[in-house]
N, C-alpha and C. Protein backbone atom coordinates (compact mmCIF):
# COMPACT_ATOMS: atom_id res chain seq x y z
N MET A 1 -28.80 -47.04 -14.51
CA MET A 1 -29.34 -48.34 -15.07
C MET A 1 -30.45 -48.56 -14.46
N ALA A 2 -31.20 -48.56 -14.95
CA ALA A 2 -32.68 -49.46 -15.22
C ALA A 2 -33.42 -50.35 -14.24
N LYS A 3 -33.80 -50.77 -13.28
CA LYS A 3 -34.17 -51.34 -12.16
C LYS A 3 -34.93 -52.01 -12.93
N VAL A 4 -35.35 -53.73 -12.81
CA VAL A 4 -35.97 -54.73 -13.82
C VAL A 4 -37.61 -54.50 -14.11
N PRO A 5 -38.12 -54.07 -12.57
CA PRO A 5 -39.65 -53.65 -13.45
C PRO A 5 -39.98 -53.16 -14.00
N GLU A 6 -38.96 -51.39 -13.98
CA GLU A 6 -39.03 -50.52 -15.64
C GLU A 6 -38.97 -51.09 -16.19
N LEU A 7 -37.78 -51.71 -16.61
CA LEU A 7 -37.85 -52.45 -17.78
C LEU A 7 -39.06 -53.67 -18.19
N HIS A 8 -39.79 -54.39 -17.22
CA HIS A 8 -40.74 -54.94 -17.48
C HIS A 8 -41.99 -53.87 -18.10
N LYS A 9 -41.57 -53.01 -17.30
CA LYS A 9 -43.20 -51.99 -17.52
C LYS A 9 -42.87 -50.87 -18.96
N ALA A 10 -42.03 -51.10 -19.13
CA ALA A 10 -41.76 -50.06 -20.78
C ALA A 10 -41.80 -51.35 -21.63
N SER A 11 -41.18 -52.90 -21.52
CA SER A 11 -42.22 -53.39 -22.74
C SER A 11 -43.36 -54.01 -22.88
N ALA A 12 -43.97 -53.98 -21.50
CA ALA A 12 -45.45 -54.25 -21.39
C ALA A 12 -46.56 -53.65 -22.20
N PRO A 13 -47.74 -54.48 -22.54
CA PRO A 13 -48.91 -53.84 -23.19
C PRO A 13 -48.95 -52.75 -22.77
N ARG A 14 -49.28 -51.30 -23.64
CA ARG A 14 -49.95 -50.13 -23.30
C ARG A 14 -51.48 -50.38 -22.85
N SER A 15 -52.07 -51.37 -23.24
CA SER A 15 -53.78 -51.52 -24.11
C SER A 15 -53.68 -52.88 -23.64
N VAL A 16 -55.09 -53.51 -22.86
CA VAL A 16 -55.52 -54.30 -22.94
C VAL A 16 -56.64 -54.68 -22.57
N ALA A 17 -57.19 -56.17 -22.94
CA ALA A 17 -58.48 -56.27 -22.80
C ALA A 17 -59.81 -56.42 -21.70
N ILE A 18 -60.08 -55.82 -21.49
CA ILE A 18 -60.91 -56.14 -20.11
C ILE A 18 -62.19 -56.84 -19.99
N TYR A 19 -62.83 -57.96 -18.99
CA TYR A 19 -64.06 -58.12 -18.59
C TYR A 19 -64.37 -58.05 -17.57
N ILE A 20 -65.65 -57.02 -17.45
CA ILE A 20 -65.82 -56.29 -16.06
C ILE A 20 -67.27 -57.47 -16.22
N ILE A 21 -67.01 -58.06 -14.34
CA ILE A 21 -68.20 -58.33 -14.04
C ILE A 21 -68.65 -58.14 -12.60
N THR A 22 -69.90 -57.93 -12.13
CA THR A 22 -69.99 -57.27 -11.58
C THR A 22 -71.63 -58.16 -10.43
N CYS A 23 -71.05 -58.99 -9.85
CA CYS A 23 -71.29 -59.84 -8.58
C CYS A 23 -72.64 -59.14 -7.64
N SER A 24 -73.70 -58.80 -7.80
CA SER A 24 -75.06 -58.70 -7.19
C SER A 24 -75.93 -58.87 -6.69
N THR A 25 -76.80 -59.59 -6.13
CA THR A 25 -77.52 -60.42 -6.50
C THR A 25 -78.90 -59.49 -6.65
N SER A 26 -78.88 -57.95 -5.52
CA SER A 26 -80.01 -57.11 -5.59
C SER A 26 -80.20 -56.75 -6.86
N LYS A 27 -78.71 -55.79 -7.62
CA LYS A 27 -78.97 -55.47 -8.76
C LYS A 27 -79.69 -56.30 -10.06
N PHE A 28 -79.03 -57.58 -9.74
CA PHE A 28 -79.13 -58.87 -10.54
C PHE A 28 -80.94 -59.16 -10.43
N ASN A 29 -81.89 -59.04 -9.86
CA ASN A 29 -83.37 -58.77 -9.28
C ASN A 29 -84.02 -58.28 -9.73
N GLN A 30 -82.59 -56.30 -9.99
CA GLN A 30 -83.53 -55.00 -10.46
C GLN A 30 -83.64 -55.83 -12.17
N LEU A 31 -82.29 -56.66 -12.74
CA LEU A 31 -82.12 -56.68 -13.82
C LEU A 31 -83.39 -57.34 -14.58
N LYS A 32 -83.25 -58.28 -13.80
CA LYS A 32 -84.47 -59.76 -14.46
C LYS A 32 -85.87 -59.11 -14.32
N ALA A 33 -86.20 -57.96 -13.08
CA ALA A 33 -87.32 -57.54 -12.94
C ALA A 33 -87.42 -56.47 -14.02
N GLY A 34 -86.32 -56.27 -15.26
CA GLY A 34 -86.09 -55.51 -15.94
C GLY A 34 -86.14 -53.91 -16.06
N GLN A 35 -85.46 -53.24 -14.62
CA GLN A 35 -85.60 -52.41 -14.27
C GLN A 35 -84.12 -52.03 -14.36
N GLU A 36 -83.22 -51.08 -14.69
CA GLU A 36 -82.00 -50.51 -15.02
C GLU A 36 -81.27 -50.29 -14.04
N PRO A 37 -80.73 -51.16 -13.17
CA PRO A 37 -79.69 -51.19 -11.63
C PRO A 37 -78.95 -50.25 -11.84
N ASP A 38 -78.42 -49.69 -11.15
CA ASP A 38 -77.24 -48.71 -10.67
C ASP A 38 -76.20 -49.55 -11.15
N ASP A 39 -74.91 -49.25 -11.72
CA ASP A 39 -73.85 -49.92 -11.47
C ASP A 39 -72.66 -49.51 -11.27
N ALA A 40 -72.73 -48.04 -10.22
CA ALA A 40 -71.31 -47.48 -10.00
C ALA A 40 -70.19 -48.73 -9.76
N SER A 41 -69.99 -49.61 -9.17
CA SER A 41 -68.13 -49.54 -9.38
C SER A 41 -68.33 -50.42 -10.43
N GLY A 42 -68.99 -51.22 -11.19
CA GLY A 42 -68.99 -51.60 -12.35
C GLY A 42 -68.93 -50.52 -13.90
N ASP A 43 -69.29 -49.35 -13.14
CA ASP A 43 -68.58 -48.19 -14.27
C ASP A 43 -67.46 -47.01 -14.06
N ILE A 44 -67.15 -47.53 -12.93
CA ILE A 44 -66.18 -46.62 -12.35
C ILE A 44 -64.60 -48.22 -13.27
N ILE A 45 -64.84 -49.33 -12.85
CA ILE A 45 -63.96 -49.96 -13.52
C ILE A 45 -63.73 -49.87 -14.82
N GLN A 46 -64.80 -49.18 -15.79
CA GLN A 46 -65.04 -49.34 -17.14
C GLN A 46 -64.18 -47.42 -17.47
N ARG A 47 -64.83 -47.21 -16.40
CA ARG A 47 -64.54 -45.40 -16.88
C ARG A 47 -62.84 -45.17 -16.86
N LEU A 48 -62.40 -45.67 -15.54
CA LEU A 48 -60.81 -45.65 -15.76
C LEU A 48 -60.20 -46.77 -16.59
N ALA A 49 -60.57 -47.99 -16.56
CA ALA A 49 -59.69 -48.70 -17.68
C ALA A 49 -59.58 -48.26 -19.08
N VAL A 50 -60.61 -47.08 -19.55
CA VAL A 50 -60.48 -46.85 -20.68
C VAL A 50 -60.21 -45.94 -20.80
N GLY A 51 -60.31 -44.58 -20.08
CA GLY A 51 -59.39 -43.90 -19.59
C GLY A 51 -57.83 -43.93 -19.42
N ALA A 52 -57.28 -44.88 -18.89
CA ALA A 52 -56.10 -45.44 -18.93
C ALA A 52 -55.81 -46.33 -20.27
N GLY A 53 -56.21 -46.43 -21.89
CA GLY A 53 -56.55 -46.30 -22.72
C GLY A 53 -56.23 -48.48 -23.12
N ASN A 54 -57.31 -48.80 -21.68
CA ASN A 54 -57.60 -50.07 -22.47
C ASN A 54 -59.08 -50.34 -22.82
N ARG A 55 -59.14 -51.61 -23.41
CA ARG A 55 -60.39 -51.19 -24.06
C ARG A 55 -61.43 -52.82 -23.16
N ILE A 56 -62.57 -52.44 -22.99
CA ILE A 56 -63.38 -53.28 -22.35
C ILE A 56 -64.35 -54.33 -23.59
N GLU A 57 -63.71 -55.14 -23.70
CA GLU A 57 -64.37 -56.70 -24.32
C GLU A 57 -65.59 -57.11 -23.74
N GLY A 58 -65.85 -57.12 -22.41
CA GLY A 58 -67.23 -57.36 -21.88
C GLY A 58 -67.76 -56.82 -20.79
N ARG A 59 -69.36 -56.88 -20.07
CA ARG A 59 -69.41 -56.42 -18.76
C ARG A 59 -71.02 -57.49 -18.66
N LYS A 60 -70.33 -57.99 -17.27
CA LYS A 60 -71.83 -58.55 -17.10
C LYS A 60 -72.57 -57.92 -15.78
N LEU A 61 -73.51 -58.40 -15.32
CA LEU A 61 -74.25 -58.23 -14.10
C LEU A 61 -75.20 -59.47 -13.65
N ILE A 62 -74.24 -60.33 -12.54
CA ILE A 62 -74.79 -61.48 -11.96
C ILE A 62 -75.11 -61.62 -10.35
N SER A 63 -75.74 -62.56 -10.80
CA SER A 63 -76.29 -62.72 -9.21
C SER A 63 -74.88 -63.23 -7.86
N ASP A 64 -75.00 -62.49 -6.59
CA ASP A 64 -73.95 -63.10 -5.76
C ASP A 64 -73.65 -64.78 -5.63
N SER A 65 -73.65 -66.04 -6.35
CA SER A 65 -74.16 -66.74 -6.89
C SER A 65 -72.34 -68.12 -7.16
N LYS A 66 -72.52 -68.64 -6.51
CA LYS A 66 -70.90 -69.36 -7.36
C LYS A 66 -70.75 -70.16 -8.34
N PRO A 67 -71.95 -71.02 -8.73
CA PRO A 67 -71.91 -71.01 -9.92
C PRO A 67 -72.24 -70.20 -11.32
N MET A 68 -73.30 -68.89 -10.47
CA MET A 68 -72.67 -68.27 -11.73
C MET A 68 -71.85 -67.40 -11.69
N ILE A 69 -71.06 -67.35 -11.00
CA ILE A 69 -69.81 -66.83 -10.82
C ILE A 69 -68.42 -67.42 -11.74
N THR A 70 -68.72 -68.57 -10.88
CA THR A 70 -67.27 -69.65 -11.94
C THR A 70 -67.68 -69.53 -13.42
N LYS A 71 -68.73 -69.75 -14.00
CA LYS A 71 -69.29 -69.63 -15.43
C LYS A 71 -69.25 -68.36 -15.77
N ALA A 72 -69.52 -67.41 -15.47
CA ALA A 72 -69.57 -65.69 -15.91
C ALA A 72 -67.85 -65.80 -16.11
N THR A 73 -67.02 -66.21 -15.03
CA THR A 73 -66.00 -65.72 -15.04
C THR A 73 -65.19 -66.91 -16.34
N LYS A 74 -65.33 -68.07 -16.56
CA LYS A 74 -64.97 -69.49 -17.14
C LYS A 74 -65.04 -68.75 -18.78
N GLN A 75 -65.84 -67.78 -18.70
CA GLN A 75 -66.53 -67.45 -20.35
C GLN A 75 -65.53 -66.31 -20.68
N ALA A 76 -65.81 -65.77 -19.72
CA ALA A 76 -64.22 -64.64 -19.97
C ALA A 76 -63.44 -65.13 -20.70
N LEU A 77 -62.49 -66.22 -19.53
CA LEU A 77 -61.26 -66.55 -19.47
C LEU A 77 -61.24 -66.97 -21.25
N ARG A 78 -62.36 -67.51 -21.63
CA ARG A 78 -61.70 -68.50 -22.78
C ARG A 78 -62.08 -67.71 -23.92
N ALA A 79 -62.42 -66.23 -23.42
CA ALA A 79 -62.64 -65.21 -24.90
C ALA A 79 -61.18 -65.12 -25.15
N SER A 80 -60.64 -65.17 -26.17
CA SER A 80 -59.17 -65.03 -27.24
C SER A 80 -58.80 -63.55 -26.80
N LYS A 81 -60.15 -62.67 -26.57
CA LYS A 81 -59.43 -61.55 -26.59
C LYS A 81 -59.14 -60.70 -25.54
N VAL A 82 -59.64 -61.60 -24.51
CA VAL A 82 -59.25 -60.71 -23.44
C VAL A 82 -58.81 -61.32 -22.65
N ASP A 83 -57.71 -60.24 -22.14
CA ASP A 83 -56.93 -60.21 -21.47
C ASP A 83 -56.65 -59.92 -19.72
N ALA A 84 -57.83 -59.71 -18.65
CA ALA A 84 -58.11 -59.44 -17.73
C ALA A 84 -59.13 -59.49 -17.40
N VAL A 85 -59.72 -59.98 -16.60
CA VAL A 85 -61.19 -60.37 -15.72
C VAL A 85 -61.33 -59.54 -14.60
N ILE A 86 -61.92 -58.56 -14.50
CA ILE A 86 -62.17 -57.26 -13.13
C ILE A 86 -63.66 -57.83 -12.20
N ILE A 87 -63.07 -58.50 -11.42
CA ILE A 87 -64.78 -58.41 -10.74
C ILE A 87 -65.12 -57.91 -9.95
N THR A 88 -66.06 -57.20 -9.43
CA THR A 88 -66.49 -56.57 -8.31
C THR A 88 -67.65 -57.15 -7.36
N GLY A 89 -67.64 -56.83 -6.45
CA GLY A 89 -68.56 -57.84 -5.00
C GLY A 89 -68.32 -59.03 -5.26
N GLY A 90 -68.90 -59.28 -3.99
CA GLY A 90 -69.13 -60.35 -3.05
C GLY A 90 -67.62 -61.33 -2.24
N THR A 91 -66.66 -59.96 -2.09
CA THR A 91 -65.20 -60.38 -1.38
C THR A 91 -65.35 -59.74 0.48
N GLY A 92 -66.66 -59.78 0.63
CA GLY A 92 -66.59 -59.82 2.44
C GLY A 92 -67.13 -60.88 2.94
N LEU A 93 -67.29 -60.49 4.31
CA LEU A 93 -67.43 -62.12 5.21
C LEU A 93 -68.67 -62.12 5.03
N SER A 94 -69.89 -61.92 4.91
CA SER A 94 -70.98 -62.05 4.91
C SER A 94 -71.38 -63.91 3.99
N PRO A 95 -72.45 -65.20 4.45
CA PRO A 95 -71.99 -65.65 3.95
C PRO A 95 -72.87 -65.54 2.19
N ARG A 96 -73.51 -64.91 1.67
CA ARG A 96 -73.78 -64.61 0.77
C ARG A 96 -72.14 -63.70 -0.51
N ASP A 97 -71.09 -63.65 -0.19
CA ASP A 97 -70.68 -63.43 -0.16
C ASP A 97 -69.01 -64.55 -0.58
N VAL A 98 -69.25 -65.07 -2.35
CA VAL A 98 -68.50 -66.00 -2.59
C VAL A 98 -67.62 -65.97 -3.70
N THR A 99 -67.56 -64.68 -4.06
CA THR A 99 -66.35 -64.54 -5.23
C THR A 99 -65.25 -65.03 -4.75
N PRO A 100 -64.06 -64.59 -4.27
CA PRO A 100 -63.37 -65.48 -3.59
C PRO A 100 -63.25 -67.47 -3.90
N GLU A 101 -63.84 -67.66 -3.56
CA GLU A 101 -64.24 -69.12 -3.60
C GLU A 101 -64.27 -69.62 -5.00
N SER A 102 -65.45 -68.68 -5.53
CA SER A 102 -65.43 -69.10 -7.20
C SER A 102 -64.33 -69.02 -7.66
N ILE A 103 -63.67 -68.13 -7.38
CA ILE A 103 -62.36 -67.92 -8.42
C ILE A 103 -61.54 -68.42 -8.34
N ALA A 104 -61.21 -69.18 -7.02
CA ALA A 104 -59.97 -69.60 -6.34
C ALA A 104 -59.72 -71.33 -7.26
N PRO A 105 -60.61 -71.99 -7.67
CA PRO A 105 -60.09 -73.39 -8.46
C PRO A 105 -59.96 -72.38 -9.61
N LEU A 106 -59.92 -71.40 -10.19
CA LEU A 106 -59.54 -70.98 -11.78
C LEU A 106 -57.97 -70.24 -11.59
N VAL A 107 -57.35 -69.96 -10.34
CA VAL A 107 -56.32 -68.96 -10.84
C VAL A 107 -54.92 -70.25 -10.49
N ASP A 108 -54.05 -70.50 -11.71
CA ASP A 108 -52.75 -70.86 -11.33
C ASP A 108 -52.08 -70.22 -10.31
N ARG A 109 -51.54 -69.23 -10.64
CA ARG A 109 -51.42 -68.23 -9.61
C ARG A 109 -51.97 -67.14 -8.86
N ILE A 110 -51.46 -67.14 -7.80
CA ILE A 110 -52.03 -66.00 -6.80
C ILE A 110 -51.09 -65.18 -6.55
N ILE A 111 -51.68 -63.63 -6.73
CA ILE A 111 -50.43 -62.41 -6.68
C ILE A 111 -50.85 -62.38 -5.11
N PRO A 112 -50.52 -62.51 -4.23
CA PRO A 112 -51.09 -62.16 -2.99
C PRO A 112 -50.48 -60.72 -2.29
N GLY A 113 -49.41 -60.11 -3.41
CA GLY A 113 -49.45 -58.95 -3.02
C GLY A 113 -50.26 -58.03 -3.22
N PHE A 114 -51.64 -57.91 -3.92
CA PHE A 114 -52.41 -57.12 -4.05
C PHE A 114 -53.68 -57.11 -3.49
N GLY A 115 -53.68 -58.47 -2.81
CA GLY A 115 -54.56 -58.06 -1.32
C GLY A 115 -53.72 -57.79 -0.32
N GLU A 116 -53.20 -57.75 -0.18
CA GLU A 116 -52.12 -57.74 0.68
C GLU A 116 -51.82 -55.48 1.01
N LEU A 117 -51.55 -55.34 -0.11
CA LEU A 117 -51.60 -53.66 0.05
C LEU A 117 -52.48 -53.18 -0.09
N PHE A 118 -54.37 -53.86 -0.90
CA PHE A 118 -54.91 -53.82 -1.01
C PHE A 118 -55.90 -53.06 0.41
N ARG A 119 -55.43 -54.00 1.35
CA ARG A 119 -55.84 -54.32 2.61
C ARG A 119 -54.82 -52.76 3.74
N LYS A 120 -53.88 -52.85 2.83
CA LYS A 120 -52.95 -51.61 3.45
C LYS A 120 -53.80 -50.10 3.11
N ILE A 121 -53.50 -50.07 1.99
CA ILE A 121 -54.03 -48.57 1.50
C ILE A 121 -55.47 -48.46 1.90
N SER A 122 -56.33 -49.58 1.64
CA SER A 122 -57.77 -49.33 2.57
C SER A 122 -57.70 -48.95 4.65
N PHE A 123 -56.61 -49.82 4.54
CA PHE A 123 -56.58 -48.98 5.92
C PHE A 123 -56.18 -47.86 6.41
N GLU A 124 -55.49 -47.31 5.47
CA GLU A 124 -54.85 -45.67 5.51
C GLU A 124 -55.95 -45.05 5.66
N SER A 125 -57.23 -45.42 4.87
CA SER A 125 -58.86 -44.62 4.58
C SER A 125 -59.64 -45.07 5.21
N ILE A 126 -60.06 -45.88 5.38
CA ILE A 126 -61.27 -46.47 6.38
C ILE A 126 -61.26 -47.32 7.81
N GLY A 127 -59.59 -47.38 8.32
CA GLY A 127 -59.33 -47.99 9.46
C GLY A 127 -58.72 -49.49 9.69
N SER A 128 -59.43 -49.65 10.60
CA SER A 128 -59.37 -51.32 11.07
C SER A 128 -60.77 -52.67 9.83
N SER A 129 -61.44 -51.65 9.26
CA SER A 129 -62.57 -52.51 8.75
C SER A 129 -61.72 -53.03 7.80
N ALA A 130 -60.85 -52.48 7.00
CA ALA A 130 -59.98 -53.14 5.85
C ALA A 130 -59.84 -54.89 6.01
N ILE A 131 -59.58 -55.04 7.31
CA ILE A 131 -59.22 -56.70 7.26
C ILE A 131 -60.72 -57.59 7.19
N LEU A 132 -61.69 -57.11 7.11
CA LEU A 132 -63.37 -57.38 6.72
C LEU A 132 -62.73 -57.61 4.97
N SER A 133 -61.89 -57.32 4.06
CA SER A 133 -62.02 -57.60 2.49
C SER A 133 -60.93 -58.71 2.70
N ARG A 134 -61.53 -59.84 1.53
CA ARG A 134 -60.78 -60.81 1.18
C ARG A 134 -60.36 -60.32 -0.34
N ALA A 135 -60.43 -58.91 -0.68
CA ALA A 135 -59.86 -59.01 -2.55
C ALA A 135 -58.59 -59.88 -2.32
N PHE A 136 -58.47 -60.46 -3.78
CA PHE A 136 -57.28 -61.00 -3.88
C PHE A 136 -57.37 -60.88 -5.33
N ALA A 137 -56.09 -61.37 -6.17
CA ALA A 137 -55.67 -61.10 -7.47
C ALA A 137 -55.20 -62.74 -7.66
N GLY A 138 -54.91 -62.66 -9.37
CA GLY A 138 -54.42 -64.09 -9.34
C GLY A 138 -54.17 -64.22 -11.11
N THR A 139 -53.57 -65.18 -11.62
CA THR A 139 -53.68 -65.10 -13.00
C THR A 139 -54.25 -66.87 -13.31
N SER A 140 -54.51 -66.84 -14.38
CA SER A 140 -55.20 -68.47 -14.90
C SER A 140 -55.33 -68.15 -16.64
N LYS A 141 -54.42 -69.15 -16.84
CA LYS A 141 -53.75 -69.11 -18.25
C LYS A 141 -52.93 -68.03 -18.93
N GLY A 142 -52.35 -67.10 -18.57
CA GLY A 142 -52.09 -66.56 -19.39
C GLY A 142 -53.11 -64.82 -18.37
N LYS A 143 -53.85 -65.11 -18.08
CA LYS A 143 -54.92 -63.57 -18.22
C LYS A 143 -54.93 -63.61 -16.81
N ALA A 144 -54.92 -62.34 -16.24
CA ALA A 144 -55.10 -61.70 -15.03
C ALA A 144 -56.48 -61.71 -14.42
N ILE A 145 -56.59 -61.99 -13.32
CA ILE A 145 -57.98 -61.98 -12.38
C ILE A 145 -57.83 -61.19 -11.21
N PHE A 146 -58.79 -60.01 -11.31
CA PHE A 146 -58.70 -59.28 -9.98
C PHE A 146 -60.16 -59.11 -9.12
N CYS A 147 -60.12 -59.80 -7.88
CA CYS A 147 -61.66 -59.58 -7.50
C CYS A 147 -62.24 -58.75 -6.05
N LEU A 148 -62.38 -57.65 -6.63
CA LEU A 148 -62.67 -56.41 -5.71
C LEU A 148 -63.88 -56.15 -5.08
N PRO A 149 -64.10 -55.52 -3.42
CA PRO A 149 -65.22 -55.08 -3.39
C PRO A 149 -66.32 -54.59 -4.25
N GLY A 150 -67.13 -54.91 -3.88
CA GLY A 150 -68.41 -53.92 -4.28
C GLY A 150 -68.66 -52.42 -3.86
N SER A 151 -67.82 -51.95 -3.33
CA SER A 151 -67.66 -50.28 -2.52
C SER A 151 -67.25 -49.37 -3.54
N PRO A 152 -67.69 -48.83 -4.52
CA PRO A 152 -67.20 -47.89 -5.67
C PRO A 152 -65.96 -47.25 -4.85
N ASP A 153 -65.61 -46.62 -3.52
CA ASP A 153 -64.60 -46.21 -3.19
C ASP A 153 -63.27 -46.92 -3.20
N ALA A 154 -63.49 -48.87 -3.05
CA ALA A 154 -62.79 -49.24 -2.77
C ALA A 154 -62.15 -49.68 -4.61
N VAL A 155 -63.29 -50.08 -4.99
CA VAL A 155 -62.89 -50.35 -6.39
C VAL A 155 -62.22 -49.21 -7.18
N GLN A 156 -62.33 -47.94 -7.11
CA GLN A 156 -61.43 -46.59 -7.01
C GLN A 156 -60.41 -46.83 -6.80
N THR A 157 -60.18 -47.07 -5.84
CA THR A 157 -58.92 -47.07 -4.90
C THR A 157 -57.78 -48.32 -5.36
N ALA A 158 -58.49 -49.39 -5.99
CA ALA A 158 -58.08 -50.40 -6.33
C ALA A 158 -57.44 -50.60 -7.66
N MET A 159 -58.34 -49.76 -8.27
CA MET A 159 -58.31 -49.39 -10.16
C MET A 159 -56.87 -48.50 -9.64
N GLU A 160 -56.92 -47.66 -9.02
CA GLU A 160 -56.09 -46.04 -9.45
C GLU A 160 -54.28 -46.51 -8.78
N LYS A 161 -55.14 -47.27 -7.83
CA LYS A 161 -53.19 -47.57 -7.23
C LYS A 161 -52.59 -48.52 -7.49
N LEU A 162 -53.41 -49.59 -7.81
CA LEU A 162 -53.04 -50.76 -7.86
C LEU A 162 -52.74 -51.48 -9.18
N ILE A 163 -54.33 -51.82 -10.02
CA ILE A 163 -54.29 -52.34 -11.20
C ILE A 163 -54.11 -51.48 -12.17
N LEU A 164 -54.58 -50.45 -12.67
CA LEU A 164 -53.91 -49.91 -13.61
C LEU A 164 -52.72 -49.69 -13.89
N PRO A 165 -51.93 -49.01 -12.39
CA PRO A 165 -50.70 -49.00 -13.10
C PRO A 165 -49.44 -50.10 -12.98
N GLU A 166 -50.56 -51.35 -12.86
CA GLU A 166 -49.37 -52.41 -13.17
C GLU A 166 -49.78 -53.45 -13.85
N LEU A 167 -51.25 -53.43 -14.75
CA LEU A 167 -51.82 -54.37 -15.56
C LEU A 167 -50.92 -54.24 -16.68
N GLY A 168 -50.35 -54.13 -17.20
CA GLY A 168 -50.21 -54.73 -18.34
C GLY A 168 -48.28 -55.47 -18.01
N HIS A 169 -47.71 -54.64 -16.78
CA HIS A 169 -46.93 -55.58 -16.67
C HIS A 169 -47.32 -57.01 -15.87
N ILE A 170 -48.70 -56.83 -15.82
CA ILE A 170 -48.95 -58.42 -14.76
C ILE A 170 -49.03 -59.13 -15.87
N ILE A 171 -49.50 -58.64 -17.36
CA ILE A 171 -50.32 -59.62 -18.41
C ILE A 171 -49.10 -59.36 -19.40
N SER A 172 -48.16 -58.99 -19.37
CA SER A 172 -46.50 -59.62 -20.20
C SER A 172 -45.91 -60.49 -19.58
N ILE A 173 -45.52 -60.67 -18.12
CA ILE A 173 -45.29 -61.76 -17.32
C ILE A 173 -46.57 -62.71 -17.20
N ALA A 174 -47.43 -62.81 -17.12
CA ALA A 174 -48.16 -64.20 -17.39
C ALA A 174 -48.22 -64.76 -18.38
N HIS A 175 -48.15 -63.92 -19.65
CA HIS A 175 -47.81 -64.27 -21.08
C HIS A 175 -46.65 -64.83 -21.17
N GLU A 176 -45.68 -65.25 -20.42
CA GLU A 176 -44.52 -65.49 -20.70
C GLU A 176 -44.58 -66.86 -20.86
N HIS A 177 -43.55 -67.73 -21.28
CA HIS A 177 -43.71 -69.45 -21.29
C HIS A 177 -42.14 -69.64 -21.05
């Protein structure tokens, strides 16, 4: 007899539309100065998401600014084709790390297990420094939001071990009425 999560996953969408937001003041300033910033974490999200059969509906590089993060996320959530928003950067403890504070008011339901498991998996790789991450996830009006650290290694870990294996499942449950 199949377990409930397996049944849910079997009926979940195989491909979802993702919007990627990178929060980095230094990279944003490079972009404003006409330079081509290196966005390794955004590139990893895109490569892994597309490799798993998902679609990228948009991608934006913004500054670590609460109004800018909130505005970009609201715009992504309003897009009818977008199923999930994945944000990288701004989840640390520095005063300029404001992604969780910017996104929390937009979230209908928090997915506490995401942050808990992310930190557990990170602990296995980087040790006690994992407690400094404020990575989290939630849903907003039937869409998923993931807030990841800016570290390429952390992004790869989150995408491969948590987000991609459950993304369709999360979207199918979030869409239930």
